[in-house]
Amino acid sequence: MSLFAILAASPETAIVLGSGLGGVADLLGVEAEVPYVEVPGWGASSVPGHAGRLVLTRVADRAILIAQGRRHLYEGLTAREITAGIRLMHEWGVRRVLLTNAAGAIAEQFDVGDLMLITDHLNLQGTSPLLGGPHFHDMSQVYDVEWRESLLRAAGELGVKCHAGVYAALLGPQYETPAEIRMLRVLGADAVGMSTVAEAIQARALGMKVAGVSMLTNWAAGLKPQTLDHDEVVAVGQQSARALATLLKTALSV
């Protein structure tokens, strides 16, 4: 189906799916799809676990646009390039976006396979999609409190383990060292990853409502006696996609 046909549904809500979480789109139901390479101004990710397509689904008869995969700074791109999809969504009439990611758990009370609603973030990637001008946008409340609370309520009703915490974004692509994780704990981070923050900044600068959900696919470096592996991150994400899809279907129905 063409991009025009998808946009004709006029979705006002979009979901961006992170590593290993592409199956959420299939679980919600695919009404139409188009590869990123067929969308002018959008580029496909080179990272395994990112399908690279736009999907139209419906929840409670509302059209929802799903970006199945994202691009990252560590692919050699700029913050402006990796947030092109957010700007396109805004042009298409999307007014709220839910950003998901695979993240490493830092907080001791978390566990692998749990979800974390993002309350705030630490941008440690050394860049911003707003570079190039005096774009002094307020970032005191990036992640919408009302939307987050509705997601937490839905998780409670469904019995899905869901926490709330601060997400730290680092550049990557290498995983963090144990010393870096100890630093992040001191800074107040509860989970760590390599995405999401630039998209959140861009969306808020455009006046969009933002929510963020981290799927805790592994323990951060040094917290458990294991090494980190991207294939395992993707595998845990795929296993946990059903819980996330159920949560999103419930939360977006109201």
Protein backbone atom coordinates (compact mmCIF):
# COMPACT_ATOMS: atom_id res chain seq x y z
CA MET A 1 0.00 0.00 0.00
CA SER A 2 1.23 3.52 -0.75
CA LEU A 3 2.25 6.08 1.83
CA PHE A 4 -0.65 8.24 0.66
CA ALA A 5 -3.12 5.51 1.60
CA ILE A 6 -1.62 5.20 5.09
CA LEU A 7 -1.70 8.95 5.68
CA ALA A 8 -5.29 9.12 4.45
CA ALA A 9 -6.21 7.45 7.77
CA SER A 10 -5.00 10.67 9.51
CA PRO A 11 -3.21 9.11 12.53
CA GLU A 12 -2.66 11.56 15.38
CA THR A 13 -0.67 9.11 17.52
CA ALA A 14 2.58 7.39 16.55
CA ILE A 15 4.72 4.70 18.17
CA VAL A 16 8.45 4.28 17.50
CA LEU A 17 9.65 0.72 18.14
CA GLY A 18 13.18 -0.01 19.36
CA SER A 19 15.53 -2.99 19.08
CA GLY A 20 13.74 -6.33 19.06
CA LEU A 21 10.35 -4.70 19.61
CA GLY A 22 9.20 -4.74 15.99
CA GLY A 23 6.85 -7.62 16.77
CA VAL A 24 4.61 -5.18 18.65
CA ALA A 25 3.35 -3.96 15.29
CA ASP A 26 2.34 -7.46 14.22
CA LEU A 27 0.65 -8.10 17.57
CA LEU A 28 -1.39 -4.90 17.27
CA GLY A 29 -2.34 -5.80 13.71
CA VAL A 30 -0.99 -4.53 10.40
CA GLU A 31 -3.60 -2.79 8.27
CA ALA A 32 -1.06 -1.34 5.84
CA GLU A 33 2.70 -0.96 5.58
CA VAL A 34 5.36 0.78 3.54
CA PRO A 35 9.18 0.40 3.74
CA TYR A 36 11.15 3.43 4.93
CA VAL A 37 13.10 3.43 1.66
CA GLU A 38 9.85 4.36 -0.13
CA VAL A 39 9.21 7.33 2.17
CA PRO A 40 10.88 10.53 0.90
CA GLY A 41 13.15 11.97 3.61
CA TRP A 42 13.19 8.81 5.74
CA GLY A 43 16.11 6.38 5.86
CA ALA A 44 16.32 2.74 6.92
CA SER A 45 18.34 1.60 9.94
CA SER A 46 21.37 -0.62 9.36
CA VAL A 47 20.98 -2.27 12.78
CA PRO A 48 19.67 -5.86 13.22
CA GLY A 49 16.28 -5.92 14.95
CA HIS A 50 14.95 -2.83 13.14
CA ALA A 51 12.59 -3.82 10.31
CA GLY A 52 12.50 -0.37 8.72
CA ARG A 53 8.87 0.15 7.76
CA LEU A 54 5.89 2.34 8.56
CA VAL A 55 2.82 0.45 9.69
CA LEU A 56 -0.78 1.54 10.05
CA THR A 57 -2.73 -0.17 12.82
CA ARG A 58 -5.93 0.62 14.70
CA VAL A 59 -6.66 0.59 18.41
CA ALA A 60 -10.27 1.20 19.49
CA ASP A 61 -10.94 2.26 15.89
CA ARG A 62 -8.27 4.97 16.11
CA ALA A 63 -5.58 5.05 13.45
CA ILE A 64 -2.08 4.59 14.92
CA LEU A 65 1.13 5.07 12.94
CA ILE A 66 3.98 2.75 13.90
CA ALA A 67 7.62 3.34 12.97
CA GLN A 68 9.04 -0.18 13.08
CA GLY A 69 12.68 0.57 13.78
CA ARG A 70 14.83 3.70 14.03
CA ARG A 71 18.21 5.11 13.04
CA HIS A 72 20.95 5.89 15.56
CA LEU A 73 23.80 8.33 16.00
CA TYR A 74 26.27 5.45 16.17
CA GLU A 75 25.46 4.58 12.54
CA GLY A 76 27.47 7.67 11.63
CA LEU A 77 24.46 9.98 11.35
CA THR A 78 23.70 13.39 12.82
CA ALA A 79 21.02 14.12 15.40
CA ARG A 80 19.16 16.00 12.67
CA GLU A 81 19.19 12.95 10.41
CA ILE A 82 17.95 10.47 13.00
CA THR A 83 15.00 12.70 13.91
CA ALA A 84 13.80 13.25 10.32
CA GLY A 85 10.97 10.80 10.97
CA ILE A 86 9.68 12.84 13.90
CA ARG A 87 9.52 15.98 11.75
CA LEU A 88 7.74 14.09 8.98
CA MET A 89 5.21 12.70 11.44
CA HIS A 90 4.51 16.21 12.67
CA GLU A 91 4.01 17.40 9.09
CA TRP A 92 1.56 14.53 8.57
CA GLY A 93 -0.57 15.60 11.54
CA VAL A 94 0.78 13.33 14.29
CA ARG A 95 0.51 15.20 17.59
CA ARG A 96 1.70 12.66 20.14
CA VAL A 97 4.45 10.06 19.92
CA LEU A 98 5.30 7.12 22.16
CA LEU A 99 9.00 6.24 21.97
CA THR A 100 10.12 2.73 22.92
CA ASN A 101 13.59 1.28 23.29
CA ALA A 102 15.62 -1.64 24.54
CA ALA A 103 17.61 -0.56 27.59
CA GLY A 104 19.99 -1.88 30.21
CA ALA A 105 18.65 -1.96 33.76
CA ILE A 106 20.63 0.01 36.35
CA ALA A 107 18.20 0.35 39.27
CA GLU A 108 18.50 -2.62 41.66
CA GLN A 109 14.72 -3.03 42.01
CA PHE A 110 14.33 -3.67 38.26
CA ASP A 111 14.63 -6.99 36.46
CA VAL A 112 15.23 -8.12 32.90
CA GLY A 113 11.95 -8.25 31.00
CA ASP A 114 10.33 -5.44 33.01
CA LEU A 115 9.14 -2.18 31.49
CA MET A 116 10.14 1.31 32.59
CA LEU A 117 8.10 4.44 31.87
CA ILE A 118 10.55 7.28 31.26
CA THR A 119 10.05 10.21 33.63
CA ASP A 120 13.08 12.20 32.47
CA HIS A 121 16.33 11.69 30.61
CA LEU A 122 20.06 12.40 30.66
CA ASN A 123 21.35 13.44 27.25
CA LEU A 124 24.95 12.21 27.30
CA GLN A 125 25.23 11.83 23.54
CA GLY A 126 26.98 15.16 23.03
CA THR A 127 24.58 16.52 20.44
CA SER A 128 21.04 17.75 19.78
CA PRO A 129 18.68 17.79 16.79
CA LEU A 130 18.17 21.53 17.47
CA LEU A 131 21.75 22.52 16.59
CA GLY A 132 22.08 25.38 14.14
CA GLY A 133 20.15 28.18 15.78
CA PRO A 134 18.94 29.70 19.05
CA HIS A 135 16.29 27.02 19.61
CA PHE A 136 15.90 27.53 23.35
CA HIS A 137 12.97 25.19 23.93
CA ASP A 138 11.92 24.37 27.48
CA MET A 139 12.71 20.78 28.47
CA SER A 140 11.48 20.82 32.07
CA GLN A 141 8.73 18.32 31.24
CA VAL A 142 9.69 16.32 28.17
CA TYR A 143 7.60 13.25 29.00
CA ASP A 144 3.91 13.94 29.46
CA VAL A 145 2.82 13.21 33.04
CA GLU A 146 -0.83 12.46 32.24
CA TRP A 147 0.04 10.04 29.45
CA ARG A 148 2.64 8.31 31.63
CA GLU A 149 0.16 7.89 34.48
CA SER A 150 -2.40 6.34 32.14
CA LEU A 151 0.21 3.85 30.98
CA LEU A 152 1.13 3.01 34.57
CA ARG A 153 -2.53 2.49 35.46
CA ALA A 154 -3.00 0.20 32.48
CA ALA A 155 0.09 -1.79 33.47
CA GLY A 156 -1.30 -2.21 36.98
CA GLU A 157 -4.64 -3.42 35.67
CA LEU A 158 -2.94 -5.93 33.37
CA GLY A 159 -0.42 -7.14 35.94
CA VAL A 160 2.50 -6.04 33.74
CA LYS A 161 5.65 -5.19 35.72
CA CYS A 162 6.24 -1.54 34.93
CA HIS A 163 8.47 0.94 36.76
CA ALA A 164 9.10 4.65 36.33
CA GLY A 165 12.58 6.13 36.08
CA VAL A 166 15.26 8.19 34.36
CA TYR A 167 16.73 7.05 31.04
CA ALA A 168 20.34 7.88 30.17
CA ALA A 169 21.31 8.00 26.49
CA LEU A 170 24.94 7.42 25.50
CA LEU A 171 26.42 7.49 22.02
CA GLY A 172 27.46 3.84 21.57
CA PRO A 173 27.75 1.61 19.65
CA GLN A 174 29.90 -0.09 22.29
CA TYR A 175 28.16 -0.96 25.54
CA GLU A 176 29.06 0.95 28.68
CA THR A 177 31.88 -0.02 31.02
CA PRO A 178 31.18 -0.89 34.67
CA ALA A 179 32.79 2.43 35.67
CA GLU A 180 30.43 4.30 33.37
CA ILE A 181 27.45 2.51 34.89
CA ARG A 182 28.62 3.50 38.38
CA MET A 183 28.82 7.10 37.13
CA LEU A 184 25.29 6.89 35.70
CA ARG A 185 23.98 5.64 39.03
CA VAL A 186 25.48 8.67 40.76
CA LEU A 187 23.86 10.91 38.14
CA GLY A 188 20.46 9.37 38.86
CA ALA A 189 19.94 7.07 35.87
CA ASP A 190 17.72 4.01 36.23
CA ALA A 191 18.26 2.60 32.74
CA VAL A 192 20.68 3.20 29.88
CA GLY A 193 20.50 3.01 26.10
CA MET A 194 21.62 4.62 22.84
CA SER A 195 18.45 6.16 21.42
CA THR A 196 15.16 7.97 22.15
CA VAL A 197 16.48 11.23 23.63
CA ALA A 198 17.10 13.07 20.35
CA GLU A 199 13.62 12.07 19.16
CA ALA A 200 12.06 13.26 22.40
CA ILE A 201 13.85 16.60 22.17
CA GLN A 202 12.74 17.09 18.57
CA ALA A 203 9.15 16.13 19.31
CA ARG A 204 8.87 18.51 22.27
CA ALA A 205 10.42 21.32 20.23
CA LEU A 206 7.58 20.79 17.75
CA GLY A 207 4.99 20.88 20.53
CA MET A 208 4.19 17.17 20.37
CA LYS A 209 3.12 15.17 23.42
CA VAL A 210 5.76 12.55 24.29
CA ALA A 211 5.82 9.31 26.27
CA GLY A 212 8.72 6.90 26.59
CA VAL A 213 8.85 3.19 27.45
CA SER A 214 12.05 1.20 27.97
CA MET A 215 12.02 -2.58 27.70
CA LEU A 216 14.72 -3.71 30.12
CA THR A 217 16.42 -6.36 28.00
CA ASN A 218 19.61 -6.82 30.02
CA TRP A 219 21.47 -5.74 33.14
CA ALA A 220 23.90 -2.88 32.61
CA ALA A 221 27.61 -3.71 32.61
CA GLY A 222 29.15 -4.84 35.88
CA LEU A 223 25.87 -5.45 37.71
CA LYS A 224 25.67 -9.17 36.92
CA PRO A 225 28.33 -11.73 35.94
CA GLN A 226 27.63 -11.72 32.21
CA THR A 227 28.82 -9.96 29.07
CA LEU A 228 26.49 -7.90 26.87
CA ASP A 229 25.42 -9.06 23.42
CA HIS A 230 23.12 -7.35 20.91
CA ASP A 231 21.59 -10.66 19.78
CA GLU A 232 20.50 -11.35 23.36
CA VAL A 233 19.06 -7.85 23.64
CA VAL A 234 16.98 -8.42 20.50
CA ALA A 235 15.89 -11.87 21.71
CA VAL A 236 14.63 -10.58 25.08
CA GLY A 237 12.85 -7.74 23.30
CA GLN A 238 11.10 -10.20 21.02
CA GLN A 239 10.04 -12.34 23.98
CA SER A 240 8.66 -9.33 25.84
CA ALA A 241 6.95 -7.69 22.87
CA ARG A 242 3.60 -9.29 23.73
CA ALA A 243 3.45 -7.61 27.16
CA LEU A 244 4.28 -4.25 25.60
CA ALA A 245 1.70 -4.71 22.84
CA THR A 246 -0.98 -5.58 25.40
CA LEU A 247 -0.10 -2.53 27.46
CA LEU A 248 -0.18 -0.20 24.46
CA LYS A 249 -3.46 -1.62 23.21
CA THR A 250 -5.07 -1.06 26.59
CA ALA A 251 -3.58 2.39 27.20
CA LEU A 252 -4.35 3.70 23.71
CA SER A 253 -7.95 2.51 23.89
CA VAL A 254 -8.90 5.33 26.30
